[in-house]
Amino acid sequence: MPDSYMLTDEIAWTEVAPGNRRAVLSHRPEAMLVAFRFERGAIGALHSHPHTQVSYVAEGAFDVTIDGATTRLDAGSSFIVAPNLVHGVVALEDGLLIDTFTPRRDDFL
């Protein structure tokens, strides 16, 4: 099968922090798709990186902080983070974020 596809049984989850794990769903050097699964109360710590990030709230609800401003987002909402802005999340309930990064985050591989 070409490298263009990632099948469900090939997805590997990695624990990032207590109650937070991620799975790289697909990637090329110019883009990456990643799932982040959160348990209620889990924290995606404030951080920054040189990548543009676009995130979709697939399940749950999160307090999302970007550049010091916090907004509550529910399933179906999305957000975008410009390169080098400090950002993070707190899961208000069990949830799932689907993130895209450009370029790819090689530190996730």
PDB file of N, CA and C in Angstrom:
ATOM      1  N   MET A   1       0.849  -1.178   0.000  1.00  0.00           N
ATOM      2  CA  MET A   1       0.000   0.000   0.000  1.00  0.00           C
ATOM      3  C   MET A   1       0.894   1.240   0.000  1.00  0.00           C
ATOM      4  N   PRO A   2       0.570   2.250  -0.783  1.00  0.00           N
ATOM      5  CA  PRO A   2       1.396   3.472  -0.820  1.00  0.00           C
ATOM      6  C   PRO A   2       1.439   4.171   0.538  1.00  0.00           C
ATOM      7  N   ASP A   3       2.464   4.978   0.752  1.00  0.00           N
ATOM      8  CA  ASP A   3       2.603   5.734   1.994  1.00  0.00           C
ATOM      9  C   ASP A   3       1.518   6.789   2.166  1.00  0.00           C
ATOM     10  N   SER A   4       0.656   6.973   1.185  1.00  0.00           N
ATOM     11  CA  SER A   4      -0.396   7.985   1.254  1.00  0.00           C
ATOM     12  C   SER A   4      -1.517   7.618   2.220  1.00  0.00           C
ATOM     13  N   TYR A   5      -1.547   6.379   2.705  1.00  0.00           N
ATOM     14  CA  TYR A   5      -2.644   5.911   3.544  1.00  0.00           C
ATOM     15  C   TYR A   5      -2.141   5.446   4.900  1.00  0.00           C
ATOM     16  N   MET A   6      -2.988   5.650   5.930  1.00  0.00           N
ATOM     17  CA  MET A   6      -2.726   5.114   7.260  1.00  0.00           C
ATOM     18  C   MET A   6      -3.998   4.392   7.678  1.00  0.00           C
ATOM     19  N   LEU A   7      -3.899   3.089   7.870  1.00  0.00           N
ATOM     20  CA  LEU A   7      -5.055   2.294   8.252  1.00  0.00           C
ATOM     21  C   LEU A   7      -5.218   2.284   9.769  1.00  0.00           C
ATOM     22  N   THR A   8      -6.452   2.130  10.226  1.00  0.00           N
ATOM     23  CA  THR A   8      -6.767   2.186  11.650  1.00  0.00           C
ATOM     24  C   THR A   8      -5.876   1.280  12.483  1.00  0.00           C
ATOM     25  N   ASP A   9      -5.635   0.063  12.024  1.00  0.00           N
ATOM     26  CA  ASP A   9      -4.835  -0.873  12.825  1.00  0.00           C
ATOM     27  C   ASP A   9      -3.344  -0.543  12.819  1.00  0.00           C
ATOM     28  N   GLU A  10      -2.929   0.454  12.051  1.00  0.00           N
ATOM     29  CA  GLU A  10      -1.532   0.885  12.026  1.00  0.00           C
ATOM     30  C   GLU A  10      -1.262   2.070  12.945  1.00  0.00           C
ATOM     31  N   ILE A  11      -2.320   2.651  13.508  1.00  0.00           N
ATOM     32  CA  ILE A  11      -2.169   3.851  14.331  1.00  0.00           C
ATOM     33  C   ILE A  11      -1.630   3.472  15.710  1.00  0.00           C
ATOM     34  N   ALA A  12      -0.550   4.136  16.098  1.00  0.00           N
ATOM     35  CA  ALA A  12       0.066   3.898  17.405  1.00  0.00           C
ATOM     36  C   ALA A  12      -0.151   5.120  18.290  1.00  0.00           C
ATOM     37  N   TRP A  13      -0.669   4.887  19.501  1.00  0.00           N
ATOM     38  CA  TRP A  13      -0.901   5.970  20.459  1.00  0.00           C
ATOM     39  C   TRP A  13       0.299   6.089  21.390  1.00  0.00           C
ATOM     40  N   THR A  14       0.687   7.326  21.696  1.00  0.00           N
ATOM     41  CA  THR A  14       1.801   7.632  22.584  1.00  0.00           C
ATOM     42  C   THR A  14       1.293   8.489  23.724  1.00  0.00           C
ATOM     43  N   GLU A  15       1.591   8.092  24.969  1.00  0.00           N
ATOM     44  CA  GLU A  15       1.191   8.928  26.108  1.00  0.00           C
ATOM     45  C   GLU A  15       2.067  10.172  26.130  1.00  0.00           C
ATOM     46  N   VAL A  16       1.424  11.335  26.195  1.00  0.00           N
ATOM     47  CA  VAL A  16       2.118  12.618  26.200  1.00  0.00           C
ATOM     48  C   VAL A  16       2.262  13.136  27.624  1.00  0.00           C
ATOM     49  N   ALA A  17       1.190  13.019  28.386  1.00  0.00           N
ATOM     50  CA  ALA A  17       1.127  13.466  29.776  1.00  0.00           C
ATOM     51  C   ALA A  17      -0.031  12.695  30.407  1.00  0.00           C
ATOM     52  N   PRO A  18      -0.170  12.747  31.731  1.00  0.00           N
ATOM     53  CA  PRO A  18      -1.295  12.035  32.340  1.00  0.00           C
ATOM     54  C   PRO A  18      -2.633  12.436  31.703  1.00  0.00           C
ATOM     55  N   GLY A  19      -3.368  11.429  31.211  1.00  0.00           N
ATOM     56  CA  GLY A  19      -4.669  11.679  30.617  1.00  0.00           C
ATOM     57  C   GLY A  19      -4.644  12.251  29.223  1.00  0.00           C
ATOM     58  N   ASN A  20      -3.482  12.251  28.577  1.00  0.00           N
ATOM     59  CA  ASN A  20      -3.330  12.856  27.248  1.00  0.00           C
ATOM     60  C   ASN A  20      -2.435  11.954  26.405  1.00  0.00           C
ATOM     61  N   ARG A  21      -2.957  11.512  25.267  1.00  0.00           N
ATOM     62  CA  ARG A  21      -2.140  10.707  24.350  1.00  0.00           C
ATOM     63  C   ARG A  21      -2.384  11.177  22.922  1.00  0.00           C
ATOM     64  N   ARG A  22      -1.419  10.872  22.059  1.00  0.00           N
ATOM     65  CA  ARG A  22      -1.514  11.327  20.669  1.00  0.00           C
ATOM     66  C   ARG A  22      -1.224  10.187  19.720  1.00  0.00           C
ATOM     67  N   ALA A  23      -1.748  10.338  18.500  1.00  0.00           N
ATOM     68  CA  ALA A  23      -1.473   9.391  17.424  1.00  0.00           C
ATOM     69  C   ALA A  23      -1.259  10.183  16.142  1.00  0.00           C
ATOM     70  N   VAL A  24      -0.137   9.934  15.487  1.00  0.00           N
ATOM     71  CA  VAL A  24       0.108  10.543  14.181  1.00  0.00           C
ATOM     72  C   VAL A  24      -0.735   9.775  13.174  1.00  0.00           C
ATOM     73  N   LEU A  25      -1.637  10.480  12.497  1.00  0.00           N
ATOM     74  CA  LEU A  25      -2.558   9.843  11.557  1.00  0.00           C
ATOM     75  C   LEU A  25      -2.009   9.798  10.140  1.00  0.00           C
ATOM     76  N   SER A  26      -1.306  10.834   9.736  1.00  0.00           N
ATOM     77  CA  SER A  26      -0.650  10.843   8.427  1.00  0.00           C
ATOM     78  C   SER A  26       0.308  12.028   8.383  1.00  0.00           C
ATOM     79  N   HIS A  27       1.280  11.933   7.472  1.00  0.00           N
ATOM     80  CA  HIS A  27       2.241  13.036   7.381  1.00  0.00           C
ATOM     81  C   HIS A  27       3.047  12.965   6.095  1.00  0.00           C
ATOM     82  N   ARG A  28       3.492  14.123   5.720  1.00  0.00           N
ATOM     83  CA  ARG A  28       4.486  14.367   4.671  1.00  0.00           C
ATOM     84  C   ARG A  28       5.337  15.508   5.205  1.00  0.00           C
ATOM     85  N   PRO A  29       6.450  15.812   4.597  1.00  0.00           N
ATOM     86  CA  PRO A  29       7.283  16.901   5.137  1.00  0.00           C
ATOM     87  C   PRO A  29       6.545  18.239   5.267  1.00  0.00           C
ATOM     88  N   GLU A  30       5.593  18.501   4.388  1.00  0.00           N
ATOM     89  CA  GLU A  30       4.923  19.805   4.406  1.00  0.00           C
ATOM     90  C   GLU A  30       3.662  19.865   5.268  1.00  0.00           C
ATOM     91  N   ALA A  31       3.175  18.716   5.780  1.00  0.00           N
ATOM     92  CA  ALA A  31       1.949  18.724   6.590  1.00  0.00           C
ATOM     93  C   ALA A  31       1.844  17.457   7.428  1.00  0.00           C
ATOM     94  N   MET A  32       1.069  17.554   8.514  1.00  0.00           N
ATOM     95  CA  MET A  32       0.890  16.419   9.418  1.00  0.00           C
ATOM     96  C   MET A  32      -0.499  16.483  10.028  1.00  0.00           C
ATOM     97  N   LEU A  33      -1.131  15.313  10.205  1.00  0.00           N
ATOM     98  CA  LEU A  33      -2.431  15.189  10.862  1.00  0.00           C
ATOM     99  C   LEU A  33      -2.245  14.327  12.105  1.00  0.00           C
ATOM    100  N   VAL A  34      -2.692  14.848  13.276  1.00  0.00           N
ATOM    101  CA  VAL A  34      -2.458  14.179  14.552  1.00  0.00           C
ATOM    102  C   VAL A  34      -3.738  14.201  15.382  1.00  0.00           C
ATOM    103  N   ALA A  35      -4.057  13.084  16.033  1.00  0.00           N
ATOM    104  CA  ALA A  35      -5.177  13.016  16.976  1.00  0.00           C
ATOM    105  C   ALA A  35      -4.633  13.113  18.393  1.00  0.00           C
ATOM    106  N   PHE A  36      -5.287  13.906  19.227  1.00  0.00           N
ATOM    107  CA  PHE A  36      -4.961  14.007  20.648  1.00  0.00           C
ATOM    108  C   PHE A  36      -6.194  13.617  21.445  1.00  0.00           C
ATOM    109  N   ARG A  37      -6.086  12.568  22.242  1.00  0.00           N
ATOM    110  CA  ARG A  37      -7.181  12.089  23.085  1.00  0.00           C
ATOM    111  C   ARG A  37      -6.920  12.576  24.514  1.00  0.00           C
ATOM    112  N   PHE A  38      -7.909  13.214  25.126  1.00  0.00           N
ATOM    113  CA  PHE A  38      -7.794  13.766  26.476  1.00  0.00           C
ATOM    114  C   PHE A  38      -8.846  13.160  27.388  1.00  0.00           C
ATOM    115  N   GLU A  39      -8.448  12.848  28.610  1.00  0.00           N
ATOM    116  CA  GLU A  39      -9.396  12.513  29.664  1.00  0.00           C
ATOM    117  C   GLU A  39      -9.819  13.818  30.333  1.00  0.00           C
ATOM    118  N   ARG A  40     -10.994  13.819  30.925  1.00  0.00           N
ATOM    119  CA  ARG A  40     -11.488  15.007  31.616  1.00  0.00           C
ATOM    120  C   ARG A  40     -10.445  15.499  32.624  1.00  0.00           C
ATOM    121  N   GLY A  41     -10.165  16.797  32.577  1.00  0.00           N
ATOM    122  CA  GLY A  41      -9.206  17.412  33.486  1.00  0.00           C
ATOM    123  C   GLY A  41      -7.775  17.396  33.001  1.00  0.00           C
ATOM    124  N   ALA A  42      -7.494  16.652  31.936  1.00  0.00           N
ATOM    125  CA  ALA A  42      -6.123  16.585  31.415  1.00  0.00           C
ATOM    126  C   ALA A  42      -5.732  17.928  30.796  1.00  0.00           C
ATOM    127  N   ILE A  43      -4.444  18.190  30.824  1.00  0.00           N
ATOM    128  CA  ILE A  43      -3.916  19.472  30.363  1.00  0.00           C
ATOM    129  C   ILE A  43      -2.967  19.267  29.194  1.00  0.00           C
ATOM    130  N   GLY A  44      -3.169  20.049  28.162  1.00  0.00           N
ATOM    131  CA  GLY A  44      -2.186  20.202  27.099  1.00  0.00           C
ATOM    132  C   GLY A  44      -1.395  21.445  27.488  1.00  0.00           C
ATOM    133  N   ALA A  45      -0.228  21.269  28.103  1.00  0.00           N
ATOM    134  CA  ALA A  45       0.528  22.364  28.716  1.00  0.00           C
ATOM    135  C   ALA A  45       0.813  23.497  27.728  1.00  0.00           C
ATOM    136  N   LEU A  46       0.885  24.708  28.259  1.00  0.00           N
ATOM    137  CA  LEU A  46       1.241  25.855  27.431  1.00  0.00           C
ATOM    138  C   LEU A  46       2.602  25.616  26.788  1.00  0.00           C
ATOM    139  N   HIS A  47       2.687  25.890  25.499  1.00  0.00           N
ATOM    140  CA  HIS A  47       3.918  25.670  24.745  1.00  0.00           C
ATOM    141  C   HIS A  47       3.860  26.488  23.461  1.00  0.00           C
ATOM    142  N   SER A  48       4.934  26.496  22.722  1.00  0.00           N
ATOM    143  CA  SER A  48       4.958  27.131  21.399  1.00  0.00           C
ATOM    144  C   SER A  48       5.850  26.305  20.483  1.00  0.00           C
ATOM    145  N   HIS A  49       5.682  26.498  19.202  1.00  0.00           N
ATOM    146  CA  HIS A  49       6.492  25.815  18.196  1.00  0.00           C
ATOM    147  C   HIS A  49       6.442  26.629  16.905  1.00  0.00           C
ATOM    148  N   PRO A  50       7.370  26.406  15.988  1.00  0.00           N
ATOM    149  CA  PRO A  50       7.437  27.214  14.767  1.00  0.00           C
ATOM    150  C   PRO A  50       6.447  26.793  13.682  1.00  0.00           C
ATOM    151  N   HIS A  51       5.545  25.880  13.994  1.00  0.00           N
ATOM    152  CA  HIS A  51       4.585  25.364  13.018  1.00  0.00           C
ATOM    153  C   HIS A  51       3.261  26.108  13.118  1.00  0.00           C
ATOM    154  N   THR A  52       2.556  26.271  12.013  1.00  0.00           N
ATOM    155  CA  THR A  52       1.158  26.691  12.049  1.00  0.00           C
ATOM    156  C   THR A  52       0.354  25.466  12.450  1.00  0.00           C
ATOM    157  N   GLN A  53      -0.610  25.657  13.356  1.00  0.00           N
ATOM    158  CA  GLN A  53      -1.440  24.555  13.845  1.00  0.00           C
ATOM    159  C   GLN A  53      -2.906  24.927  13.646  1.00  0.00           C
ATOM    160  N   VAL A  54      -3.672  24.012  13.067  1.00  0.00           N
ATOM    161  CA  VAL A  54      -5.119  24.149  12.956  1.00  0.00           C
ATOM    162  C   VAL A  54      -5.719  22.958  13.681  1.00  0.00           C
ATOM    163  N   SER A  55      -6.655  23.225  14.605  1.00  0.00           N
ATOM    164  CA  SER A  55      -7.215  22.164  15.438  1.00  0.00           C
ATOM    165  C   SER A  55      -8.732  22.144  15.340  1.00  0.00           C
ATOM    166  N   TYR A  56      -9.278  20.937  15.295  1.00  0.00           N
ATOM    167  CA  TYR A  56     -10.715  20.702  15.249  1.00  0.00           C
ATOM    168  C   TYR A  56     -11.115  19.935  16.501  1.00  0.00           C
ATOM    169  N   VAL A  57     -12.121  20.432  17.215  1.00  0.00           N
ATOM    170  CA  VAL A  57     -12.625  19.747  18.404  1.00  0.00           C
ATOM    171  C   VAL A  57     -13.626  18.693  17.918  1.00  0.00           C
ATOM    172  N   ALA A  58     -13.171  17.452  17.845  1.00  0.00           N
ATOM    173  CA  ALA A  58     -14.014  16.367  17.335  1.00  0.00           C
ATOM    174  C   ALA A  58     -14.971  15.849  18.400  1.00  0.00           C
ATOM    175  N   GLU A  59     -14.537  15.865  19.655  1.00  0.00           N
ATOM    176  CA  GLU A  59     -15.354  15.395  20.775  1.00  0.00           C
ATOM    177  C   GLU A  59     -15.008  16.218  22.000  1.00  0.00           C
ATOM    178  N   GLY A  60     -15.990  16.404  22.888  1.00  0.00           N
ATOM    179  CA  GLY A  60     -15.738  17.022  24.177  1.00  0.00           C
ATOM    180  C   GLY A  60     -15.780  18.532  24.158  1.00  0.00           C
ATOM    181  N   ALA A  61     -15.209  19.109  25.208  1.00  0.00           N
ATOM    182  CA  ALA A  61     -15.136  20.560  25.380  1.00  0.00           C
ATOM    183  C   ALA A  61     -13.792  20.898  26.009  1.00  0.00           C
ATOM    184  N   PHE A  62     -13.225  22.014  25.585  1.00  0.00           N
ATOM    185  CA  PHE A  62     -11.897  22.426  26.023  1.00  0.00           C
ATOM    186  C   PHE A  62     -11.866  23.914  26.313  1.00  0.00           C
ATOM    187  N   ASP A  63     -11.092  24.328  27.310  1.00  0.00           N
ATOM    188  CA  ASP A  63     -10.675  25.711  27.437  1.00  0.00           C
ATOM    189  C   ASP A  63      -9.368  25.804  26.660  1.00  0.00           C
ATOM    190  N   VAL A  64      -9.364  26.647  25.644  1.00  0.00           N
ATOM    191  CA  VAL A  64      -8.205  26.799  24.766  1.00  0.00           C
ATOM    192  C   VAL A  64      -7.598  28.172  25.012  1.00  0.00           C
ATOM    193  N   THR A  65      -6.305  28.204  25.303  1.00  0.00           N
ATOM    194  CA  THR A  65      -5.597  29.458  25.515  1.00  0.00           C
ATOM    195  C   THR A  65      -4.614  29.667  24.378  1.00  0.00           C
ATOM    196  N   ILE A  66      -4.723  30.834  23.750  1.00  0.00           N
ATOM    197  CA  ILE A  66      -3.794  31.221  22.682  1.00  0.00           C
ATOM    198  C   ILE A  66      -3.332  32.645  22.973  1.00  0.00           C
ATOM    199  N   ASP A  67      -2.033  32.815  23.127  1.00  0.00           N
ATOM    200  CA  ASP A  67      -1.438  34.134  23.342  1.00  0.00           C
ATOM    201  C   ASP A  67      -2.098  34.868  24.511  1.00  0.00           C
ATOM    202  N   GLY A  68      -2.381  34.121  25.602  1.00  0.00           N
ATOM    203  CA  GLY A  68      -2.912  34.710  26.819  1.00  0.00           C
ATOM    204  C   GLY A  68      -4.427  34.843  26.895  1.00  0.00           C
ATOM    205  N   ALA A  69      -5.148  34.582  25.821  1.00  0.00           N
ATOM    206  CA  ALA A  69      -6.610  34.676  25.812  1.00  0.00           C
ATOM    207  C   ALA A  69      -7.208  33.274  25.814  1.00  0.00           C
ATOM    208  N   THR A  70      -8.178  33.037  26.686  1.00  0.00           N
ATOM    209  CA  THR A  70      -8.798  31.718  26.817  1.00  0.00           C
ATOM    210  C   THR A  70     -10.240  31.754  26.337  1.00  0.00           C
ATOM    211  N   THR A  71     -10.612  30.742  25.547  1.00  0.00           N
ATOM    212  CA  THR A  71     -11.963  30.598  25.012  1.00  0.00           C
ATOM    213  C   THR A  71     -12.409  29.158  25.208  1.00  0.00           C
ATOM    214  N   ARG A  72     -13.659  28.965  25.576  1.00  0.00           N
ATOM    215  CA  ARG A  72     -14.232  27.619  25.716  1.00  0.00           C
ATOM    216  C   ARG A  72     -14.759  27.172  24.353  1.00  0.00           C
ATOM    217  N   LEU A  73     -14.321  25.981  23.912  1.00  0.00           N
ATOM    218  CA  LEU A  73     -14.746  25.437  22.624  1.00  0.00           C
ATOM    219  C   LEU A  73     -15.361  24.057  22.819  1.00  0.00           C
ATOM    220  N   ASP A  74     -16.481  23.829  22.148  1.00  0.00           N
ATOM    221  CA  ASP A  74     -17.187  22.551  22.174  1.00  0.00           C
ATOM    222  C   ASP A  74     -16.959  21.802  20.872  1.00  0.00           C
ATOM    223  N   ALA A  75     -17.417  20.546  20.829  1.00  0.00           N
ATOM    224  CA  ALA A  75     -17.307  19.721  19.626  1.00  0.00           C
ATOM    225  C   ALA A  75     -17.882  20.472  18.422  1.00  0.00           C
ATOM    226  N   GLY A  76     -17.138  20.403  17.327  1.00  0.00           N
ATOM    227  CA  GLY A  76     -17.521  21.086  16.102  1.00  0.00           C
ATOM    228  C   GLY A  76     -16.819  22.420  15.915  1.00  0.00           C
ATOM    229  N   SER A  77     -16.181  22.928  16.970  1.00  0.00           N
ATOM    230  CA  SER A  77     -15.442  24.189  16.897  1.00  0.00           C
ATOM    231  C   SER A  77     -14.013  23.919  16.440  1.00  0.00           C
ATOM    232  N   SER A  78     -13.321  24.979  16.084  1.00  0.00           N
ATOM    233  CA  SER A  78     -11.931  24.840  15.667  1.00  0.00           C
ATOM    234  C   SER A  78     -11.153  26.087  16.057  1.00  0.00           C
ATOM    235  N   PHE A  79      -9.824  25.967  15.982  1.00  0.00           N
ATOM    236  CA  PHE A  79      -8.963  27.121  16.246  1.00  0.00           C
ATOM    237  C   PHE A  79      -7.683  26.991  15.439  1.00  0.00           C
ATOM    238  N   ILE A  80      -7.021  28.113  15.241  1.00  0.00           N
ATOM    239  CA  ILE A  80      -5.758  28.137  14.514  1.00  0.00           C
ATOM    240  C   ILE A  80      -4.734  28.887  15.356  1.00  0.00           C
ATOM    241  N   VAL A  81      -3.502  28.402  15.338  1.00  0.00           N
ATOM    242  CA  VAL A  81      -2.419  28.996  16.115  1.00  0.00           C
ATOM    243  C   VAL A  81      -1.295  29.361  15.153  1.00  0.00           C
ATOM    244  N   ALA A  82      -0.938  30.636  15.127  1.00  0.00           N
ATOM    245  CA  ALA A  82       0.172  31.086  14.293  1.00  0.00           C
ATOM    246  C   ALA A  82       1.494  30.592  14.873  1.00  0.00           C
ATOM    247  N   PRO A  83       2.513  30.492  14.051  1.00  0.00           N
ATOM    248  CA  PRO A  83       3.815  30.035  14.550  1.00  0.00           C
ATOM    249  C   PRO A  83       4.287  30.843  15.757  1.00  0.00           C
ATOM    250  N   ASN A  84       4.857  30.133  16.725  1.00  0.00           N
ATOM    251  CA  ASN A  84       5.524  30.691  17.896  1.00  0.00           C
ATOM    252  C   ASN A  84       4.613  31.324  18.940  1.00  0.00           C
ATOM    253  N   LEU A  85       3.282  31.250  18.784  1.00  0.00           N
ATOM    254  CA  LEU A  85       2.387  31.754  19.826  1.00  0.00           C
ATOM    255  C   LEU A  85       2.266  30.701  20.933  1.00  0.00           C
ATOM    256  N   VAL A  86       2.248  31.152  22.168  1.00  0.00           N
ATOM    257  CA  VAL A  86       2.076  30.252  23.299  1.00  0.00           C
ATOM    258  C   VAL A  86       0.609  29.834  23.363  1.00  0.00           C
ATOM    259  N   HIS A  87       0.376  28.515  23.487  1.00  0.00           N
ATOM    260  CA  HIS A  87      -0.987  27.995  23.495  1.00  0.00           C
ATOM    261  C   HIS A  87      -1.046  26.689  24.284  1.00  0.00           C
ATOM    262  N   GLY A  88      -2.258  26.323  24.701  1.00  0.00           N
ATOM    263  CA  GLY A  88      -2.475  25.087  25.427  1.00  0.00           C
ATOM    264  C   GLY A  88      -3.964  24.877  25.643  1.00  0.00           C
ATOM    265  N   VAL A  89      -4.328  23.713  26.177  1.00  0.00           N
ATOM    266  CA  VAL A  89      -5.737  23.385  26.398  1.00  0.00           C
ATOM    267  C   VAL A  89      -5.920  22.706  27.753  1.00  0.00           C
ATOM    268  N   VAL A  90      -7.159  22.784  28.245  1.00  0.00           N
ATOM    269  CA  VAL A  90      -7.599  22.015  29.398  1.00  0.00           C
ATOM    270  C   VAL A  90      -8.879  21.309  28.982  1.00  0.00           C
ATOM    271  N   ALA A  91      -8.924  19.995  29.163  1.00  0.00           N
ATOM    272  CA  ALA A  91     -10.107  19.213  28.787  1.00  0.00           C
ATOM    273  C   ALA A  91     -11.160  19.343  29.887  1.00  0.00           C
ATOM    274  N   LEU A  92     -12.316  19.860  29.540  1.00  0.00           N
ATOM    275  CA  LEU A  92     -13.410  20.020  30.489  1.00  0.00           C
ATOM    276  C   LEU A  92     -14.207  18.734  30.630  1.00  0.00           C
ATOM    277  N   GLU A  93     -14.041  17.843  29.671  1.00  0.00           N
ATOM    278  CA  GLU A  93     -14.634  16.505  29.674  1.00  0.00           C
ATOM    279  C   GLU A  93     -13.763  15.656  28.758  1.00  0.00           C
ATOM    280  N   ASP A  94     -14.007  14.356  28.717  1.00  0.00           N
ATOM    281  CA  ASP A  94     -13.245  13.523  27.785  1.00  0.00           C
ATOM    282  C   ASP A  94     -13.391  14.116  26.391  1.00  0.00           C
ATOM    283  N   GLY A  95     -12.294  14.161  25.638  1.00  0.00           N
ATOM    284  CA  GLY A  95     -12.378  14.802  24.333  1.00  0.00           C
ATOM    285  C   GLY A  95     -11.310  14.355  23.360  1.00  0.00           C
ATOM    286  N   LEU A  96     -11.484  14.808  22.130  1.00  0.00           N
ATOM    287  CA  LEU A  96     -10.580  14.468  21.036  1.00  0.00           C
ATOM    288  C   LEU A  96     -10.351  15.700  20.185  1.00  0.00           C
ATOM    289  N   LEU A  97      -9.074  16.052  20.002  1.00  0.00           N
ATOM    290  CA  LEU A  97      -8.682  17.117  19.081  1.00  0.00           C
ATOM    291  C   LEU A  97      -8.012  16.484  17.873  1.00  0.00           C
ATOM    292  N   ILE A  98      -8.329  16.988  16.697  1.00  0.00           N
ATOM    293  CA  ILE A  98      -7.649  16.596  15.470  1.00  0.00           C
ATOM    294  C   ILE A  98      -6.849  17.814  15.024  1.00  0.00           C
ATOM    295  N   ASP A  99      -5.534  17.677  15.034  1.00  0.00           N
ATOM    296  CA  ASP A  99      -4.631  18.796  14.742  1.00  0.00           C
ATOM    297  C   ASP A  99      -3.918  18.586  13.419  1.00  0.00           C
ATOM    298  N   THR A 100      -3.750  19.685  12.700  1.00  0.00           N
ATOM    299  CA  THR A 100      -2.881  19.679  11.534  1.00  0.00           C
ATOM    300  C   THR A 100      -1.722  20.629  11.816  1.00  0.00           C
ATOM    301  N   PHE A 101      -0.563  20.268  11.327  1.00  0.00           N
ATOM    302  CA  PHE A 101       0.632  21.081  11.489  1.00  0.00           C
ATOM    303  C   PHE A 101       1.281  21.265  10.125  1.00  0.00           C
ATOM    304  N   THR A 102       1.763  22.472   9.889  1.00  0.00           N
ATOM    305  CA  THR A 102       2.547  22.728   8.694  1.00  0.00           C
ATOM    306  C   THR A 102       3.732  23.607   9.081  1.00  0.00           C
ATOM    307  N   PRO A 103       4.948  23.208   8.768  1.00  0.00           N
ATOM    308  CA  PRO A 103       5.285  21.907   8.215  1.00  0.00           C
ATOM    309  C   PRO A 103       5.117  20.805   9.264  1.00  0.00           C
ATOM    310  N   ARG A 104       5.449  19.585   8.881  1.00  0.00           N
ATOM    311  CA  ARG A 104       5.350  18.426   9.768  1.00  0.00           C
ATOM    312  C   ARG A 104       6.157  18.655  11.046  1.00  0.00           C
ATOM    313  N   ARG A 105       5.656  18.124  12.161  1.00  0.00           N
ATOM    314  CA  ARG A 105       6.384  18.144  13.431  1.00  0.00           C
ATOM    315  C   ARG A 105       7.233  16.885  13.514  1.00  0.00           C
ATOM    316  N   ASP A 106       8.471  16.994  13.102  1.00  0.00           N
ATOM    317  CA  ASP A 106       9.361  15.828  13.113  1.00  0.00           C
ATOM    318  C   ASP A 106       9.587  15.299  14.527  1.00  0.00           C
ATOM    319  N   ASP A 107       9.402  16.137  15.551  1.00  0.00           N
ATOM    320  CA  ASP A 107       9.577  15.670  16.931  1.00  0.00           C
ATOM    321  C   ASP A 107       8.488  14.679  17.334  1.00  0.00           C
ATOM    322  N   PHE A 108       7.405  14.548  16.574  1.00  0.00           N
ATOM    323  CA  PHE A 108       6.349  13.590  16.860  1.00  0.00           C
ATOM    324  C   PHE A 108       6.626  12.225  16.233  1.00  0.00           C
ATOM    325  N   LEU A 109       7.613  12.138  15.359  1.00  0.00           N
ATOM    326  CA  LEU A 109       7.888  10.884  14.655  1.00  0.00           C
ATOM    327  C   LEU A 109       8.913  10.041  15.410  1.00  0.00           C
TER     328      LEU A 109
END
